[in-house]
Amino acid sequence: MYSGILRGKLKDFLVEIANMASFTILTVKYIFRRPFEFSEFRRQSFEAGYKSFSLISITALIMGLVLTIQTRPTMAEFGAESWVPTMVFISVVIEIGPVITALLFAGKVGSRIGAELSSMRVTEQIDAMEVSGVYPMKYLVVTRVLATTFMLPVLVIYADFMALLGSYIGFTLHNNISLWLFIREAFDELYFADIIPATIKTFIFGFFIGILSCYMGYTTNKGAEGVGMATNSAVIMSSLSIFIIDLIAVQLTQIIL
């Protein structure tokens, strides 16, 4: 009995993975198919990027502030207080900044995409688009996936500098240092070999947040209940993919570098 249930669950899981892969391949194909829905892409970029600035600003500022306040006493005990700007900024740029920002992005933007597309599916708006000759995959999915792919790296870079500002505020609570000198010390041990892998994985984070959120919303089929399920699933799957991709990226970076 239990083995049969387990086989059924495994089969459903594999079918879902295959459907996600098929959905991803179809989306990539539509990216290169003319004409490109530039106006909708611009609108989605505004929704995903600009409307997330306030949340990212507050979170990144507090993140840099807290990291510095917690790190400074320990570093001061070893006489390495001057290393705090460098250590905090490298931690933020390489790992903490991209992951935390991507998780916030998944929660805010991924849930919105899942809710929008699932609502459109439930109310048969997507079916109406197909009948009227509009390609919903191109208009609804491609524009959202590209918007999340290109907006997340911008938000991460912005979050890194907001965290640097927060770190400066936390550091100046106990030390008298100019902002310019603090920035110089923060960048002192940061190299392109550190920045490039961190930047590349933000594009991947954004792509998968968009793909998974669109998939959960686009393929929902359980009526009004499906809207809530799609929204919840979009956040969960996007967040899980961030951790998995980050784990793979860390291992590849260690191997290559």
C-alpha atoms as a PDB file:
ATOM      1  CA  MET A   1       0.000   0.000   0.000  1.00  0.00           C
ATOM      2  CA  TYR A   2       2.665   2.508   1.072  1.00  0.00           C
ATOM      3  CA  SER A   3       4.930   1.563  -1.828  1.00  0.00           C
ATOM      4  CA  GLY A   4       2.075   2.238  -4.240  1.00  0.00           C
ATOM      5  CA  ILE A   5       1.462   5.663  -2.709  1.00  0.00           C
ATOM      6  CA  LEU A   6       5.193   6.410  -2.842  1.00  0.00           C
ATOM      7  CA  ARG A   7       5.360   5.418  -6.511  1.00  0.00           C
ATOM      8  CA  GLY A   8       2.361   7.609  -7.246  1.00  0.00           C
ATOM      9  CA  LYS A   9       3.951  10.596  -5.488  1.00  0.00           C
ATOM     10  CA  LEU A  10       7.239  10.026  -7.320  1.00  0.00           C
ATOM     11  CA  LYS A  11       5.408   9.780 -10.641  1.00  0.00           C
ATOM     12  CA  ASP A  12       3.535  13.034  -9.967  1.00  0.00           C
ATOM     13  CA  PHE A  13       6.793  14.740  -8.998  1.00  0.00           C
ATOM     14  CA  LEU A  14       8.576  13.606 -12.172  1.00  0.00           C
ATOM     15  CA  VAL A  15       5.618  14.641 -14.332  1.00  0.00           C
ATOM     16  CA  GLU A  16       5.631  18.077 -12.698  1.00  0.00           C
ATOM     17  CA  ILE A  17       9.371  18.457 -13.318  1.00  0.00           C
ATOM     18  CA  ALA A  18       8.866  17.453 -16.971  1.00  0.00           C
ATOM     19  CA  ASN A  19       6.043  19.972 -17.349  1.00  0.00           C
ATOM     20  CA  MET A  20       8.207  22.720 -15.832  1.00  0.00           C
ATOM     21  CA  ALA A  21      11.048  21.859 -18.212  1.00  0.00           C
ATOM     22  CA  SER A  22       8.673  21.907 -21.192  1.00  0.00           C
ATOM     23  CA  PHE A  23       7.240  25.251 -20.048  1.00  0.00           C
ATOM     24  CA  THR A  24      10.759  26.687 -19.701  1.00  0.00           C
ATOM     25  CA  ILE A  25      11.823  25.514 -23.180  1.00  0.00           C
ATOM     26  CA  LEU A  26       8.655  26.961 -24.710  1.00  0.00           C
ATOM     27  CA  THR A  27       9.255  30.284 -22.951  1.00  0.00           C
ATOM     28  CA  VAL A  28      12.842  30.479 -24.231  1.00  0.00           C
ATOM     29  CA  LYS A  29      11.614  29.765 -27.777  1.00  0.00           C
ATOM     30  CA  TYR A  30       9.081  32.588 -27.568  1.00  0.00           C
ATOM     31  CA  ILE A  31      11.759  35.021 -26.359  1.00  0.00           C
ATOM     32  CA  PHE A  32      13.354  34.931 -29.826  1.00  0.00           C
ATOM     33  CA  ARG A  33      10.080  35.077 -31.759  1.00  0.00           C
ATOM     34  CA  ARG A  34       9.024  38.408 -33.241  1.00  0.00           C
ATOM     35  CA  PRO A  35       7.393  40.789 -32.501  1.00  0.00           C
ATOM     36  CA  PHE A  36       8.632  41.565 -29.030  1.00  0.00           C
ATOM     37  CA  GLU A  37       6.065  42.983 -26.584  1.00  0.00           C
ATOM     38  CA  PHE A  38       8.254  45.896 -25.517  1.00  0.00           C
ATOM     39  CA  SER A  39       5.517  48.008 -23.916  1.00  0.00           C
ATOM     40  CA  GLU A  40       4.398  45.123 -21.693  1.00  0.00           C
ATOM     41  CA  PHE A  41       8.027  44.306 -20.842  1.00  0.00           C
ATOM     42  CA  ARG A  42       8.569  47.919 -19.799  1.00  0.00           C
ATOM     43  CA  ARG A  43       5.446  47.843 -17.631  1.00  0.00           C
ATOM     44  CA  GLN A  44       6.486  44.587 -15.974  1.00  0.00           C
ATOM     45  CA  SER A  45       9.993  45.947 -15.378  1.00  0.00           C
ATOM     46  CA  PHE A  46       8.460  48.949 -13.644  1.00  0.00           C
ATOM     47  CA  GLU A  47       6.268  46.685 -11.497  1.00  0.00           C
ATOM     48  CA  ALA A  48       9.115  44.320 -10.619  1.00  0.00           C
ATOM     49  CA  GLY A  49      11.918  46.846 -10.251  1.00  0.00           C
ATOM     50  CA  TYR A  50      10.798  50.327  -9.280  1.00  0.00           C
ATOM     51  CA  LYS A  51       8.017  49.196  -6.947  1.00  0.00           C
ATOM     52  CA  SER A  52      10.481  46.998  -5.048  1.00  0.00           C
ATOM     53  CA  PHE A  53      12.984  49.783  -4.290  1.00  0.00           C
ATOM     54  CA  SER A  54      11.434  50.839  -0.983  1.00  0.00           C
ATOM     55  CA  LEU A  55      11.391  47.304   0.424  1.00  0.00           C
ATOM     56  CA  ILE A  56      14.928  46.588  -0.775  1.00  0.00           C
ATOM     57  CA  SER A  57      16.196  49.930   0.551  1.00  0.00           C
ATOM     58  CA  ILE A  58      14.943  49.391   4.089  1.00  0.00           C
ATOM     59  CA  THR A  59      16.014  45.748   4.243  1.00  0.00           C
ATOM     60  CA  ALA A  60      19.506  46.312   2.819  1.00  0.00           C
ATOM     61  CA  LEU A  61      20.155  49.322   5.053  1.00  0.00           C
ATOM     62  CA  ILE A  62      19.183  47.358   8.162  1.00  0.00           C
ATOM     63  CA  MET A  63      21.152  44.321   6.961  1.00  0.00           C
ATOM     64  CA  GLY A  64      24.394  46.315   6.666  1.00  0.00           C
ATOM     65  CA  LEU A  65      23.743  48.058   9.974  1.00  0.00           C
ATOM     66  CA  VAL A  66      23.058  44.838  11.898  1.00  0.00           C
ATOM     67  CA  LEU A  67      26.008  42.966  10.371  1.00  0.00           C
ATOM     68  CA  THR A  68      28.374  45.756  11.368  1.00  0.00           C
ATOM     69  CA  ILE A  69      27.008  46.133  14.898  1.00  0.00           C
ATOM     70  CA  GLN A  70      27.301  42.379  15.492  1.00  0.00           C
ATOM     71  CA  THR A  71      30.716  41.982  13.839  1.00  0.00           C
ATOM     72  CA  ARG A  72      32.599  45.012  15.177  1.00  0.00           C
ATOM     73  CA  PRO A  73      32.951  43.918  18.875  1.00  0.00           C
ATOM     74  CA  THR A  74      34.399  40.525  17.901  1.00  0.00           C
ATOM     75  CA  MET A  75      36.825  42.061  15.419  1.00  0.00           C
ATOM     76  CA  ALA A  76      37.820  44.711  17.973  1.00  0.00           C
ATOM     77  CA  GLU A  77      38.840  41.984  20.447  1.00  0.00           C
ATOM     78  CA  PHE A  78      41.408  40.731  17.923  1.00  0.00           C
ATOM     79  CA  GLY A  79      42.584  44.218  17.006  1.00  0.00           C
ATOM     80  CA  ALA A  80      41.117  43.903  13.520  1.00  0.00           C
ATOM     81  CA  GLU A  81      38.404  46.541  13.725  1.00  0.00           C
ATOM     82  CA  SER A  82      39.704  48.203  10.565  1.00  0.00           C
ATOM     83  CA  TRP A  83      38.770  45.045   8.633  1.00  0.00           C
ATOM     84  CA  VAL A  84      35.064  45.394   9.436  1.00  0.00           C
ATOM     85  CA  PRO A  85      34.163  47.443   6.307  1.00  0.00           C
ATOM     86  CA  THR A  86      35.928  44.981   4.020  1.00  0.00           C
ATOM     87  CA  MET A  87      34.560  41.865   5.679  1.00  0.00           C
ATOM     88  CA  VAL A  88      30.961  43.091   5.837  1.00  0.00           C
ATOM     89  CA  PHE A  89      30.921  44.380   2.264  1.00  0.00           C
ATOM     90  CA  ILE A  90      32.485  41.236   0.809  1.00  0.00           C
ATOM     91  CA  SER A  91      29.960  39.110   2.709  1.00  0.00           C
ATOM     92  CA  VAL A  92      27.113  41.208   1.369  1.00  0.00           C
ATOM     93  CA  VAL A  93      28.329  41.327  -2.237  1.00  0.00           C
ATOM     94  CA  ILE A  94      29.243  37.666  -2.581  1.00  0.00           C
ATOM     95  CA  GLU A  95      26.488  35.903  -0.668  1.00  0.00           C
ATOM     96  CA  ILE A  96      24.147  37.719   1.693  1.00  0.00           C
ATOM     97  CA  GLY A  97      23.051  40.516  -0.651  1.00  0.00           C
ATOM     98  CA  PRO A  98      22.061  38.369  -3.665  1.00  0.00           C
ATOM     99  CA  VAL A  99      20.290  35.695  -1.609  1.00  0.00           C
ATOM    100  CA  ILE A 100      18.349  38.006   0.735  1.00  0.00           C
ATOM    101  CA  THR A 101      17.355  40.334  -2.105  1.00  0.00           C
ATOM    102  CA  ALA A 102      16.272  37.388  -4.263  1.00  0.00           C
ATOM    103  CA  LEU A 103      14.145  35.969  -1.438  1.00  0.00           C
ATOM    104  CA  LEU A 104      12.438  39.337  -0.922  1.00  0.00           C
ATOM    105  CA  PHE A 105      11.979  39.608  -4.687  1.00  0.00           C
ATOM    106  CA  ALA A 106      10.431  36.128  -4.814  1.00  0.00           C
ATOM    107  CA  GLY A 107       8.035  36.998  -2.019  1.00  0.00           C
ATOM    108  CA  LYS A 108       6.924  40.317  -3.486  1.00  0.00           C
ATOM    109  CA  VAL A 109       7.159  39.891  -7.250  1.00  0.00           C
ATOM    110  CA  GLY A 110       6.776  36.104  -7.496  1.00  0.00           C
ATOM    111  CA  SER A 111       3.561  36.133  -5.484  1.00  0.00           C
ATOM    112  CA  ARG A 112       2.174  38.961  -7.636  1.00  0.00           C
ATOM    113  CA  ILE A 113       2.939  37.102 -10.862  1.00  0.00           C
ATOM    114  CA  GLY A 114       1.439  33.866  -9.559  1.00  0.00           C
ATOM    115  CA  ALA A 115      -1.718  35.656  -8.394  1.00  0.00           C
ATOM    116  CA  GLU A 116      -2.124  37.624 -11.640  1.00  0.00           C
ATOM    117  CA  LEU A 117      -1.739  34.709 -14.017  1.00  0.00           C
ATOM    118  CA  SER A 118      -3.795  32.285 -11.922  1.00  0.00           C
ATOM    119  CA  SER A 119      -6.606  34.864 -11.725  1.00  0.00           C
ATOM    120  CA  MET A 120      -6.465  35.287 -15.490  1.00  0.00           C
ATOM    121  CA  ARG A 121      -6.556  31.520 -15.969  1.00  0.00           C
ATOM    122  CA  VAL A 122      -9.501  31.054 -13.574  1.00  0.00           C
ATOM    123  CA  THR A 123     -11.505  33.859 -15.213  1.00  0.00           C
ATOM    124  CA  GLU A 124     -10.664  32.422 -18.676  1.00  0.00           C
ATOM    125  CA  GLN A 125      -8.862  35.569 -19.818  1.00  0.00           C
ATOM    126  CA  ILE A 126      -5.930  33.498 -21.050  1.00  0.00           C
ATOM    127  CA  ASP A 127      -8.295  31.275 -23.043  1.00  0.00           C
ATOM    128  CA  ALA A 128      -9.868  34.395 -24.566  1.00  0.00           C
ATOM    129  CA  MET A 129      -6.421  35.660 -25.606  1.00  0.00           C
ATOM    130  CA  GLU A 130      -5.690  32.371 -27.337  1.00  0.00           C
ATOM    131  CA  VAL A 131      -8.998  32.489 -29.224  1.00  0.00           C
ATOM    132  CA  SER A 132      -8.439  36.121 -30.302  1.00  0.00           C
ATOM    133  CA  GLY A 133      -5.063  35.286 -31.832  1.00  0.00           C
ATOM    134  CA  VAL A 134      -2.862  36.795 -29.110  1.00  0.00           C
ATOM    135  CA  TYR A 135      -0.003  34.585 -27.908  1.00  0.00           C
ATOM    136  CA  PRO A 136      -0.397  34.555 -24.092  1.00  0.00           C
ATOM    137  CA  MET A 137       2.960  32.854 -23.616  1.00  0.00           C
ATOM    138  CA  LYS A 138       4.642  35.722 -25.415  1.00  0.00           C
ATOM    139  CA  TYR A 139       2.592  38.545 -23.926  1.00  0.00           C
ATOM    140  CA  LEU A 140       2.155  37.286 -20.361  1.00  0.00           C
ATOM    141  CA  VAL A 141       5.036  34.909 -19.643  1.00  0.00           C
ATOM    142  CA  VAL A 142       8.024  36.088 -21.696  1.00  0.00           C
ATOM    143  CA  THR A 143       7.659  39.729 -20.623  1.00  0.00           C
ATOM    144  CA  ARG A 144       7.448  38.788 -16.941  1.00  0.00           C
ATOM    145  CA  VAL A 145      10.367  36.357 -17.081  1.00  0.00           C
ATOM    146  CA  LEU A 146      12.609  38.889 -18.831  1.00  0.00           C
ATOM    147  CA  ALA A 147      11.553  41.614 -16.386  1.00  0.00           C
ATOM    148  CA  THR A 148      12.483  39.506 -13.345  1.00  0.00           C
ATOM    149  CA  THR A 149      15.713  38.367 -15.028  1.00  0.00           C
ATOM    150  CA  PHE A 150      16.990  41.892 -15.675  1.00  0.00           C
ATOM    151  CA  MET A 151      15.502  43.747 -12.718  1.00  0.00           C
ATOM    152  CA  LEU A 152      16.808  41.491  -9.936  1.00  0.00           C
ATOM    153  CA  PRO A 153      20.524  42.172 -10.693  1.00  0.00           C
ATOM    154  CA  VAL A 154      19.783  45.915 -10.643  1.00  0.00           C
ATOM    155  CA  LEU A 155      18.073  45.576  -7.273  1.00  0.00           C
ATOM    156  CA  VAL A 156      20.951  43.478  -5.915  1.00  0.00           C
ATOM    157  CA  ILE A 157      23.548  46.094  -6.911  1.00  0.00           C
ATOM    158  CA  TYR A 158      21.390  48.775  -5.322  1.00  0.00           C
ATOM    159  CA  ALA A 159      20.971  46.629  -2.183  1.00  0.00           C
ATOM    160  CA  ASP A 160      24.753  46.154  -1.930  1.00  0.00           C
ATOM    161  CA  PHE A 161      25.335  49.892  -1.785  1.00  0.00           C
ATOM    162  CA  MET A 162      22.455  50.458   0.624  1.00  0.00           C
ATOM    163  CA  ALA A 163      23.988  47.775   2.855  1.00  0.00           C
ATOM    164  CA  LEU A 164      27.324  49.591   2.576  1.00  0.00           C
ATOM    165  CA  LEU A 165      25.605  52.785   3.742  1.00  0.00           C
ATOM    166  CA  GLY A 166      24.004  50.915   6.638  1.00  0.00           C
ATOM    167  CA  SER A 167      27.377  49.442   7.537  1.00  0.00           C
ATOM    168  CA  TYR A 168      28.920  52.921   7.556  1.00  0.00           C
ATOM    169  CA  ILE A 169      26.197  54.179   9.889  1.00  0.00           C
ATOM    170  CA  GLY A 170      26.777  51.248  12.245  1.00  0.00           C
ATOM    171  CA  PHE A 171      30.550  51.684  12.156  1.00  0.00           C
ATOM    172  CA  THR A 172      30.451  55.412  12.887  1.00  0.00           C
ATOM    173  CA  LEU A 173      28.518  54.787  16.089  1.00  0.00           C
ATOM    174  CA  HIS A 174      31.862  53.871  17.684  1.00  0.00           C
ATOM    175  CA  ASN A 175      34.474  55.148  15.230  1.00  0.00           C
ATOM    176  CA  ASN A 176      35.124  58.506  13.599  1.00  0.00           C
ATOM    177  CA  ILE A 177      35.725  57.800   9.909  1.00  0.00           C
ATOM    178  CA  SER A 178      34.806  59.604   6.703  1.00  0.00           C
ATOM    179  CA  LEU A 179      32.440  57.995   4.218  1.00  0.00           C
ATOM    180  CA  TRP A 180      35.061  58.124   1.444  1.00  0.00           C
ATOM    181  CA  LEU A 181      37.670  56.321   3.576  1.00  0.00           C
ATOM    182  CA  PHE A 182      35.081  53.733   4.642  1.00  0.00           C
ATOM    183  CA  ILE A 183      34.198  53.024   0.999  1.00  0.00           C
ATOM    184  CA  ARG A 184      37.891  52.695   0.083  1.00  0.00           C
ATOM    185  CA  GLU A 185      38.435  50.179   2.882  1.00  0.00           C
ATOM    186  CA  ALA A 186      35.281  48.262   1.909  1.00  0.00           C
ATOM    187  CA  PHE A 187      36.481  47.867  -1.688  1.00  0.00           C
ATOM    188  CA  ASP A 188      40.109  47.213  -0.708  1.00  0.00           C
ATOM    189  CA  GLU A 189      39.924  43.395  -0.916  1.00  0.00           C
ATOM    190  CA  LEU A 190      37.043  43.071  -3.391  1.00  0.00           C
ATOM    191  CA  TYR A 191      38.049  41.741  -6.823  1.00  0.00           C
ATOM    192  CA  PHE A 192      36.275  41.098 -10.117  1.00  0.00           C
ATOM    193  CA  ALA A 193      36.658  37.370  -9.482  1.00  0.00           C
ATOM    194  CA  ASP A 194      34.326  37.884  -6.507  1.00  0.00           C
ATOM    195  CA  ILE A 195      31.840  40.164  -8.260  1.00  0.00           C
ATOM    196  CA  ILE A 196      31.328  38.276 -11.531  1.00  0.00           C
ATOM    197  CA  PRO A 197      29.997  34.953 -10.097  1.00  0.00           C
ATOM    198  CA  ALA A 198      27.754  36.850  -7.672  1.00  0.00           C
ATOM    199  CA  THR A 199      26.346  38.949 -10.529  1.00  0.00           C
ATOM    200  CA  ILE A 200      25.806  36.003 -12.858  1.00  0.00           C
ATOM    201  CA  LYS A 201      23.794  34.063 -10.298  1.00  0.00           C
ATOM    202  CA  THR A 202      21.470  37.030  -9.760  1.00  0.00           C
ATOM    203  CA  PHE A 203      20.419  36.764 -13.411  1.00  0.00           C
ATOM    204  CA  ILE A 204      19.761  33.054 -12.870  1.00  0.00           C
ATOM    205  CA  PHE A 205      17.819  33.784  -9.680  1.00  0.00           C
ATOM    206  CA  GLY A 206      15.653  36.278 -11.539  1.00  0.00           C
ATOM    207  CA  PHE A 207      15.033  33.927 -14.454  1.00  0.00           C
ATOM    208  CA  PHE A 208      13.884  31.062 -12.263  1.00  0.00           C
ATOM    209  CA  ILE A 209      11.744  33.297 -10.060  1.00  0.00           C
ATOM    210  CA  GLY A 210       9.963  34.462 -13.207  1.00  0.00           C
ATOM    211  CA  ILE A 211       9.664  31.004 -14.772  1.00  0.00           C
ATOM    212  CA  LEU A 212       8.390  29.229 -11.669  1.00  0.00           C
ATOM    213  CA  SER A 213       5.973  32.001 -10.727  1.00  0.00           C
ATOM    214  CA  CYS A 214       4.577  32.122 -14.261  1.00  0.00           C
ATOM    215  CA  TYR A 215       4.315  28.341 -14.419  1.00  0.00           C
ATOM    216  CA  MET A 216       2.404  28.097 -11.136  1.00  0.00           C
ATOM    217  CA  GLY A 217      -0.028  30.798 -12.188  1.00  0.00           C
ATOM    218  CA  TYR A 218      -0.364  29.869 -15.863  1.00  0.00           C
ATOM    219  CA  THR A 219      -1.106  26.191 -15.287  1.00  0.00           C
ATOM    220  CA  THR A 220      -3.490  26.450 -12.326  1.00  0.00           C
ATOM    221  CA  ASN A 221      -6.783  24.605 -12.847  1.00  0.00           C
ATOM    222  CA  LYS A 222      -8.581  24.491  -9.504  1.00  0.00           C
ATOM    223  CA  GLY A 223     -10.862  27.484  -9.729  1.00  0.00           C
ATOM    224  CA  ALA A 224     -10.783  30.218  -7.095  1.00  0.00           C
ATOM    225  CA  GLU A 225      -8.912  27.927  -4.712  1.00  0.00           C
ATOM    226  CA  GLY A 226      -6.175  27.603  -7.306  1.00  0.00           C
ATOM    227  CA  VAL A 227      -5.358  31.329  -7.098  1.00  0.00           C
ATOM    228  CA  GLY A 228      -4.250  31.035  -3.480  1.00  0.00           C
ATOM    229  CA  MET A 229      -2.447  27.771  -4.142  1.00  0.00           C
ATOM    230  CA  ALA A 230      -0.627  29.214  -7.163  1.00  0.00           C
ATOM    231  CA  THR A 231       0.451  32.303  -5.214  1.00  0.00           C
ATOM    232  CA  ASN A 232       1.726  30.208  -2.324  1.00  0.00           C
ATOM    233  CA  SER A 233       3.464  27.720  -4.619  1.00  0.00           C
ATOM    234  CA  ALA A 234       5.123  30.512  -6.613  1.00  0.00           C
ATOM    235  CA  VAL A 235       6.801  31.883  -3.480  1.00  0.00           C
ATOM    236  CA  ILE A 236       7.787  28.479  -2.101  1.00  0.00           C
ATOM    237  CA  MET A 237       9.187  27.107  -5.361  1.00  0.00           C
ATOM    238  CA  SER A 238      11.022  30.345  -6.168  1.00  0.00           C
ATOM    239  CA  SER A 239      12.582  30.509  -2.703  1.00  0.00           C
ATOM    240  CA  LEU A 240      13.605  26.855  -2.851  1.00  0.00           C
ATOM    241  CA  SER A 241      15.166  27.335  -6.284  1.00  0.00           C
ATOM    242  CA  ILE A 242      17.232  30.253  -4.939  1.00  0.00           C
ATOM    243  CA  PHE A 243      18.860  28.060  -2.286  1.00  0.00           C
ATOM    244  CA  ILE A 244      19.475  25.204  -4.745  1.00  0.00           C
ATOM    245  CA  ILE A 245      20.985  27.501  -7.390  1.00  0.00           C
ATOM    246  CA  ASP A 246      23.103  29.239  -4.755  1.00  0.00           C
ATOM    247  CA  LEU A 247      24.452  25.891  -3.532  1.00  0.00           C
ATOM    248  CA  ILE A 248      25.359  24.854  -7.077  1.00  0.00           C
ATOM    249  CA  ALA A 249      26.900  28.267  -7.823  1.00  0.00           C
ATOM    250  CA  VAL A 250      29.096  28.135  -4.712  1.00  0.00           C
ATOM    251  CA  GLN A 251      30.388  24.691  -5.652  1.00  0.00           C
ATOM    252  CA  LEU A 252      31.084  25.697  -9.267  1.00  0.00           C
ATOM    253  CA  THR A 253      32.843  28.881  -8.145  1.00  0.00           C
ATOM    254  CA  GLN A 254      35.140  26.919  -5.852  1.00  0.00           C
ATOM    255  CA  ILE A 255      35.959  24.472  -8.650  1.00  0.00           C
ATOM    256  CA  ILE A 256      36.579  27.115 -11.326  1.00  0.00           C
ATOM    257  CA  LEU A 257      38.379  29.670  -9.149  1.00  0.00           C
END
